[in-house]
Amino acid sequence: MESLEKAQIITHVEKSLNYTVFGVRWLPCSAKVVVLGSHPKDTGALQVYELSKGELKLVLEVCLN
């Protein structure tokens, strides 16, 4: 009987953010992720990052009131 390999999570890059993150989702067929969270003053945060040359570059930022 063949053994199935366990799923692995591989960290490519880490990023410090100044708000609480509630979710991170990868945009399929791209090198982009969407981050959704909340700032300490109860305003929302939505950011899109792109992985480029081993770094996360901010592509879009929306402040949600």
PDB file of N, CA and C in Angstrom:
ATOM      1  N   MET A   1       0.842  -1.174   0.000  1.00  0.00           N
ATOM      2  CA  MET A   1       0.000   0.000   0.000  1.00  0.00           C
ATOM      3  C   MET A   1       0.889   1.239   0.000  1.00  0.00           C
ATOM      4  N   GLU A   2       0.621   2.141  -0.906  1.00  0.00           N
ATOM      5  CA  GLU A   2       1.400   3.376  -0.978  1.00  0.00           C
ATOM      6  C   GLU A   2       0.944   4.349   0.103  1.00  0.00           C
ATOM      7  N   SER A   3       1.905   5.037   0.698  1.00  0.00           N
ATOM      8  CA  SER A   3       1.536   6.048   1.700  1.00  0.00           C
ATOM      9  C   SER A   3       1.375   7.398   1.012  1.00  0.00           C
ATOM     10  N   LEU A   4       0.365   8.123   1.396  1.00  0.00           N
ATOM     11  CA  LEU A   4       0.136   9.456   0.842  1.00  0.00           C
ATOM     12  C   LEU A   4       1.008  10.451   1.581  1.00  0.00           C
ATOM     13  N   GLU A   5       1.587  11.358   0.845  1.00  0.00           N
ATOM     14  CA  GLU A   5       2.394  12.398   1.474  1.00  0.00           C
ATOM     15  C   GLU A   5       1.490  13.378   2.198  1.00  0.00           C
ATOM     16  N   LYS A   6       1.974  13.881   3.320  1.00  0.00           N
ATOM     17  CA  LYS A   6       1.204  14.871   4.072  1.00  0.00           C
ATOM     18  C   LYS A   6       1.284  16.223   3.373  1.00  0.00           C
ATOM     19  N   ALA A   7       0.221  16.998   3.487  1.00  0.00           N
ATOM     20  CA  ALA A   7       0.202  18.350   2.921  1.00  0.00           C
ATOM     21  C   ALA A   7       1.245  19.202   3.632  1.00  0.00           C
ATOM     22  N   GLN A   8       1.865  20.082   2.897  1.00  0.00           N
ATOM     23  CA  GLN A   8       2.883  20.956   3.454  1.00  0.00           C
ATOM     24  C   GLN A   8       2.527  22.402   3.199  1.00  0.00           C
ATOM     25  N   ILE A   9       2.837  23.242   4.172  1.00  0.00           N
ATOM     26  CA  ILE A   9       2.719  24.686   3.995  1.00  0.00           C
ATOM     27  C   ILE A   9       4.131  25.227   3.953  1.00  0.00           C
ATOM     28  N   ILE A  10       4.458  25.887   2.865  1.00  0.00           N
ATOM     29  CA  ILE A  10       5.793  26.427   2.680  1.00  0.00           C
ATOM     30  C   ILE A  10       5.705  27.954   2.720  1.00  0.00           C
ATOM     31  N   THR A  11       6.448  28.572   3.625  1.00  0.00           N
ATOM     32  CA  THR A  11       6.461  30.030   3.741  1.00  0.00           C
ATOM     33  C   THR A  11       7.425  30.604   2.709  1.00  0.00           C
ATOM     34  N   HIS A  12       6.903  31.469   1.849  1.00  0.00           N
ATOM     35  CA  HIS A  12       7.741  32.124   0.845  1.00  0.00           C
ATOM     36  C   HIS A  12       8.187  33.497   1.320  1.00  0.00           C
ATOM     37  N   VAL A  13       7.299  34.186   2.039  1.00  0.00           N
ATOM     38  CA  VAL A  13       7.598  35.538   2.503  1.00  0.00           C
ATOM     39  C   VAL A  13       6.673  35.862   3.668  1.00  0.00           C
ATOM     40  N   GLU A  14       7.137  36.716   4.583  1.00  0.00           N
ATOM     41  CA  GLU A  14       6.320  37.178   5.698  1.00  0.00           C
ATOM     42  C   GLU A  14       6.237  38.696   5.645  1.00  0.00           C
ATOM     43  N   LYS A  15       5.120  39.242   6.123  1.00  0.00           N
ATOM     44  CA  LYS A  15       4.894  40.694   6.076  1.00  0.00           C
ATOM     45  C   LYS A  15       4.249  41.144   7.381  1.00  0.00           C
ATOM     46  N   SER A  16       4.797  42.166   8.024  1.00  0.00           N
ATOM     47  CA  SER A  16       4.190  42.759   9.210  1.00  0.00           C
ATOM     48  C   SER A  16       3.161  43.789   8.772  1.00  0.00           C
ATOM     49  N   LEU A  17       2.009  43.777   9.424  1.00  0.00           N
ATOM     50  CA  LEU A  17       0.941  44.714   9.102  1.00  0.00           C
ATOM     51  C   LEU A  17       0.522  45.452  10.366  1.00  0.00           C
ATOM     52  N   ASN A  18      -0.010  46.672  10.218  1.00  0.00           N
ATOM     53  CA  ASN A  18      -0.386  47.486  11.380  1.00  0.00           C
ATOM     54  C   ASN A  18      -1.874  47.376  11.703  1.00  0.00           C
ATOM     55  N   TYR A  19      -2.490  46.255  11.348  1.00  0.00           N
ATOM     56  CA  TYR A  19      -3.892  46.005  11.658  1.00  0.00           C
ATOM     57  C   TYR A  19      -4.094  44.513  11.888  1.00  0.00           C
ATOM     58  N   THR A  20      -5.262  44.167  12.446  1.00  0.00           N
ATOM     59  CA  THR A  20      -5.599  42.773  12.699  1.00  0.00           C
ATOM     60  C   THR A  20      -6.106  42.148  11.403  1.00  0.00           C
ATOM     61  N   VAL A  21      -5.495  41.053  11.010  1.00  0.00           N
ATOM     62  CA  VAL A  21      -5.867  40.369   9.771  1.00  0.00           C
ATOM     63  C   VAL A  21      -6.938  39.325  10.063  1.00  0.00           C
ATOM     64  N   PHE A  22      -8.018  39.356   9.279  1.00  0.00           N
ATOM     65  CA  PHE A  22      -9.092  38.377   9.417  1.00  0.00           C
ATOM     66  C   PHE A  22      -9.024  37.305   8.345  1.00  0.00           C
ATOM     67  N   GLY A  23      -8.445  37.645   7.217  1.00  0.00           N
ATOM     68  CA  GLY A  23      -8.367  36.650   6.149  1.00  0.00           C
ATOM     69  C   GLY A  23      -7.382  37.043   5.074  1.00  0.00           C
ATOM     70  N   VAL A  24      -6.757  36.020   4.493  1.00  0.00           N
ATOM     71  CA  VAL A  24      -5.834  36.204   3.366  1.00  0.00           C
ATOM     72  C   VAL A  24      -6.245  35.183   2.315  1.00  0.00           C
ATOM     73  N   ARG A  25      -6.444  35.636   1.103  1.00  0.00           N
ATOM     74  CA  ARG A  25      -6.844  34.741   0.025  1.00  0.00           C
ATOM     75  C   ARG A  25      -5.972  34.984  -1.201  1.00  0.00           C
ATOM     76  N   TRP A  26      -5.543  33.889  -1.802  1.00  0.00           N
ATOM     77  CA  TRP A  26      -4.763  33.931  -3.029  1.00  0.00           C
ATOM     78  C   TRP A  26      -5.705  34.149  -4.198  1.00  0.00           C
ATOM     79  N   LEU A  27      -5.295  34.997  -5.133  1.00  0.00           N
ATOM     80  CA  LEU A  27      -6.051  35.192  -6.374  1.00  0.00           C
ATOM     81  C   LEU A  27      -5.550  34.157  -7.378  1.00  0.00           C
ATOM     82  N   PRO A  28      -6.364  33.168  -7.729  1.00  0.00           N
ATOM     83  CA  PRO A  28      -5.919  32.086  -8.623  1.00  0.00           C
ATOM     84  C   PRO A  28      -5.319  32.612  -9.926  1.00  0.00           C
ATOM     85  N   CYS A  29      -4.374  31.861 -10.426  1.00  0.00           N
ATOM     86  CA  CYS A  29      -3.689  32.172 -11.692  1.00  0.00           C
ATOM     87  C   CYS A  29      -2.921  33.476 -11.626  1.00  0.00           C
ATOM     88  N   SER A  30      -2.481  33.870 -10.428  1.00  0.00           N
ATOM     89  CA  SER A  30      -1.698  35.101 -10.284  1.00  0.00           C
ATOM     90  C   SER A  30      -0.719  34.936  -9.131  1.00  0.00           C
ATOM     91  N   ALA A  31       0.101  35.929  -8.952  1.00  0.00           N
ATOM     92  CA  ALA A  31       1.026  35.965  -7.810  1.00  0.00           C
ATOM     93  C   ALA A  31       0.529  36.992  -6.795  1.00  0.00           C
ATOM     94  N   LYS A  32      -0.807  37.119  -6.682  1.00  0.00           N
ATOM     95  CA  LYS A  32      -1.404  38.137  -5.819  1.00  0.00           C
ATOM     96  C   LYS A  32      -2.229  37.513  -4.703  1.00  0.00           C
ATOM     97  N   VAL A  33      -2.273  38.234  -3.572  1.00  0.00           N
ATOM     98  CA  VAL A  33      -3.124  37.848  -2.449  1.00  0.00           C
ATOM     99  C   VAL A  33      -3.923  39.060  -1.999  1.00  0.00           C
ATOM    100  N   VAL A  34      -5.122  38.803  -1.477  1.00  0.00           N
ATOM    101  CA  VAL A  34      -5.977  39.843  -0.919  1.00  0.00           C
ATOM    102  C   VAL A  34      -5.975  39.663   0.591  1.00  0.00           C
ATOM    103  N   VAL A  35      -5.782  40.761   1.328  1.00  0.00           N
ATOM    104  CA  VAL A  35      -5.754  40.733   2.791  1.00  0.00           C
ATOM    105  C   VAL A  35      -6.891  41.615   3.294  1.00  0.00           C
ATOM    106  N   LEU A  36      -7.697  41.072   4.211  1.00  0.00           N
ATOM    107  CA  LEU A  36      -8.825  41.797   4.774  1.00  0.00           C
ATOM    108  C   LEU A  36      -8.671  41.830   6.284  1.00  0.00           C
ATOM    109  N   GLY A  37      -8.847  43.014   6.874  1.00  0.00           N
ATOM    110  CA  GLY A  37      -8.684  43.126   8.315  1.00  0.00           C
ATOM    111  C   GLY A  37      -9.330  44.373   8.880  1.00  0.00           C
ATOM    112  N   SER A  38      -8.906  44.731  10.106  1.00  0.00           N
ATOM    113  CA  SER A  38      -9.484  45.866  10.814  1.00  0.00           C
ATOM    114  C   SER A  38      -8.405  46.624  11.566  1.00  0.00           C
ATOM    115  N   HIS A  39      -8.422  47.956  11.409  1.00  0.00           N
ATOM    116  CA  HIS A  39      -7.510  48.829  12.149  1.00  0.00           C
ATOM    117  C   HIS A  39      -8.020  48.989  13.584  1.00  0.00           C
ATOM    118  N   PRO A  40      -7.158  49.426  14.521  1.00  0.00           N
ATOM    119  CA  PRO A  40      -7.584  49.617  15.913  1.00  0.00           C
ATOM    120  C   PRO A  40      -8.754  50.585  16.080  1.00  0.00           C
ATOM    121  N   LYS A  41      -8.940  51.538  15.178  1.00  0.00           N
ATOM    122  CA  LYS A  41     -10.035  52.515  15.283  1.00  0.00           C
ATOM    123  C   LYS A  41     -11.309  52.014  14.619  1.00  0.00           C
ATOM    124  N   ASP A  42     -11.443  50.702  14.465  1.00  0.00           N
ATOM    125  CA  ASP A  42     -12.622  50.063  13.872  1.00  0.00           C
ATOM    126  C   ASP A  42     -12.889  50.455  12.423  1.00  0.00           C
ATOM    127  N   THR A  43     -11.852  50.782  11.682  1.00  0.00           N
ATOM    128  CA  THR A  43     -12.005  50.975  10.252  1.00  0.00           C
ATOM    129  C   THR A  43     -11.438  49.750   9.554  1.00  0.00           C
ATOM    130  N   GLY A  44     -12.069  49.375   8.467  1.00  0.00           N
ATOM    131  CA  GLY A  44     -11.641  48.180   7.754  1.00  0.00           C
ATOM    132  C   GLY A  44     -10.421  48.421   6.890  1.00  0.00           C
ATOM    133  N   ALA A  45      -9.751  47.336   6.579  1.00  0.00           N
ATOM    134  CA  ALA A  45      -8.580  47.400   5.708  1.00  0.00           C
ATOM    135  C   ALA A  45      -8.689  46.316   4.652  1.00  0.00           C
ATOM    136  N   LEU A  46      -8.452  46.689   3.409  1.00  0.00           N
ATOM    137  CA  LEU A  46      -8.418  45.745   2.311  1.00  0.00           C
ATOM    138  C   LEU A  46      -7.190  46.090   1.484  1.00  0.00           C
ATOM    139  N   GLN A  47      -6.303  45.131   1.326  1.00  0.00           N
ATOM    140  CA  GLN A  47      -5.085  45.365   0.556  1.00  0.00           C
ATOM    141  C   GLN A  47      -4.847  44.207  -0.402  1.00  0.00           C
ATOM    142  N   VAL A  48      -4.264  44.527  -1.539  1.00  0.00           N
ATOM    143  CA  VAL A  48      -3.859  43.518  -2.517  1.00  0.00           C
ATOM    144  C   VAL A  48      -2.347  43.617  -2.651  1.00  0.00           C
ATOM    145  N   TYR A  49      -1.679  42.482  -2.489  1.00  0.00           N
ATOM    146  CA  TYR A  49      -0.232  42.402  -2.602  1.00  0.00           C
ATOM    147  C   TYR A  49       0.138  41.477  -3.745  1.00  0.00           C
ATOM    148  N   GLU A  50       1.300  41.752  -4.357  1.00  0.00           N
ATOM    149  CA  GLU A  50       1.814  40.891  -5.411  1.00  0.00           C
ATOM    150  C   GLU A  50       3.201  40.415  -5.017  1.00  0.00           C
ATOM    151  N   LEU A  51       3.434  39.121  -5.166  1.00  0.00           N
ATOM    152  CA  LEU A  51       4.751  38.554  -4.884  1.00  0.00           C
ATOM    153  C   LEU A  51       5.640  38.801  -6.089  1.00  0.00           C
ATOM    154  N   SER A  52       6.717  39.545  -5.855  1.00  0.00           N
ATOM    155  CA  SER A  52       7.636  39.899  -6.933  1.00  0.00           C
ATOM    156  C   SER A  52       9.069  39.844  -6.416  1.00  0.00           C
ATOM    157  N   LYS A  53       9.855  38.982  -7.010  1.00  0.00           N
ATOM    158  CA  LYS A  53      11.272  38.833  -6.643  1.00  0.00           C
ATOM    159  C   LYS A  53      11.448  38.579  -5.149  1.00  0.00           C
ATOM    160  N   GLY A  54      10.591  37.744  -4.583  1.00  0.00           N
ATOM    161  CA  GLY A  54      10.708  37.355  -3.190  1.00  0.00           C
ATOM    162  C   GLY A  54      10.173  38.358  -2.190  1.00  0.00           C
ATOM    163  N   GLU A  55       9.518  39.408  -2.660  1.00  0.00           N
ATOM    164  CA  GLU A  55       8.948  40.425  -1.769  1.00  0.00           C
ATOM    165  C   GLU A  55       7.477  40.639  -2.084  1.00  0.00           C
ATOM    166  N   LEU A  56       6.709  41.013  -1.053  1.00  0.00           N
ATOM    167  CA  LEU A  56       5.318  41.383  -1.268  1.00  0.00           C
ATOM    168  C   LEU A  56       5.240  42.881  -1.522  1.00  0.00           C
ATOM    169  N   LYS A  57       4.728  43.244  -2.678  1.00  0.00           N
ATOM    170  CA  LYS A  57       4.584  44.659  -3.040  1.00  0.00           C
ATOM    171  C   LYS A  57       3.100  45.023  -3.004  1.00  0.00           C
ATOM    172  N   LEU A  58       2.790  46.138  -2.337  1.00  0.00           N
ATOM    173  CA  LEU A  58       1.417  46.610  -2.241  1.00  0.00           C
ATOM    174  C   LEU A  58       0.951  47.111  -3.606  1.00  0.00           C
ATOM    175  N   VAL A  59      -0.170  46.548  -4.094  1.00  0.00           N
ATOM    176  CA  VAL A  59      -0.718  46.916  -5.388  1.00  0.00           C
ATOM    177  C   VAL A  59      -1.926  47.847  -5.214  1.00  0.00           C
ATOM    178  N   LEU A  60      -2.760  47.566  -4.199  1.00  0.00           N
ATOM    179  CA  LEU A  60      -3.988  48.313  -3.992  1.00  0.00           C
ATOM    180  C   LEU A  60      -4.300  48.355  -2.507  1.00  0.00           C
ATOM    181  N   GLU A  61      -4.760  49.514  -2.031  1.00  0.00           N
ATOM    182  CA  GLU A  61      -5.164  49.659  -0.624  1.00  0.00           C
ATOM    183  C   GLU A  61      -6.468  50.432  -0.568  1.00  0.00           C
ATOM    184  N   VAL A  62      -7.443  49.885   0.172  1.00  0.00           N
ATOM    185  CA  VAL A  62      -8.743  50.531   0.332  1.00  0.00           C
ATOM    186  C   VAL A  62      -9.040  50.596   1.821  1.00  0.00           C
ATOM    187  N   CYS A  63      -9.373  51.800   2.307  1.00  0.00           N
ATOM    188  CA  CYS A  63      -9.780  51.965   3.707  1.00  0.00           C
ATOM    189  C   CYS A  63     -11.296  51.922   3.742  1.00  0.00           C
ATOM    190  N   LEU A  64     -11.835  51.092   4.607  1.00  0.00           N
ATOM    191  CA  LEU A  64     -13.280  50.901   4.689  1.00  0.00           C
ATOM    192  C   LEU A  64     -13.783  51.523   5.989  1.00  0.00           C
ATOM    193  N   ASN A  65     -14.722  52.454   5.897  1.00  0.00           N
ATOM    194  CA  ASN A  65     -15.266  53.111   7.079  1.00  0.00           C
ATOM    195  C   ASN A  65     -16.499  52.421   7.579  1.00  0.00           C
TER     196      ASN A  65
END
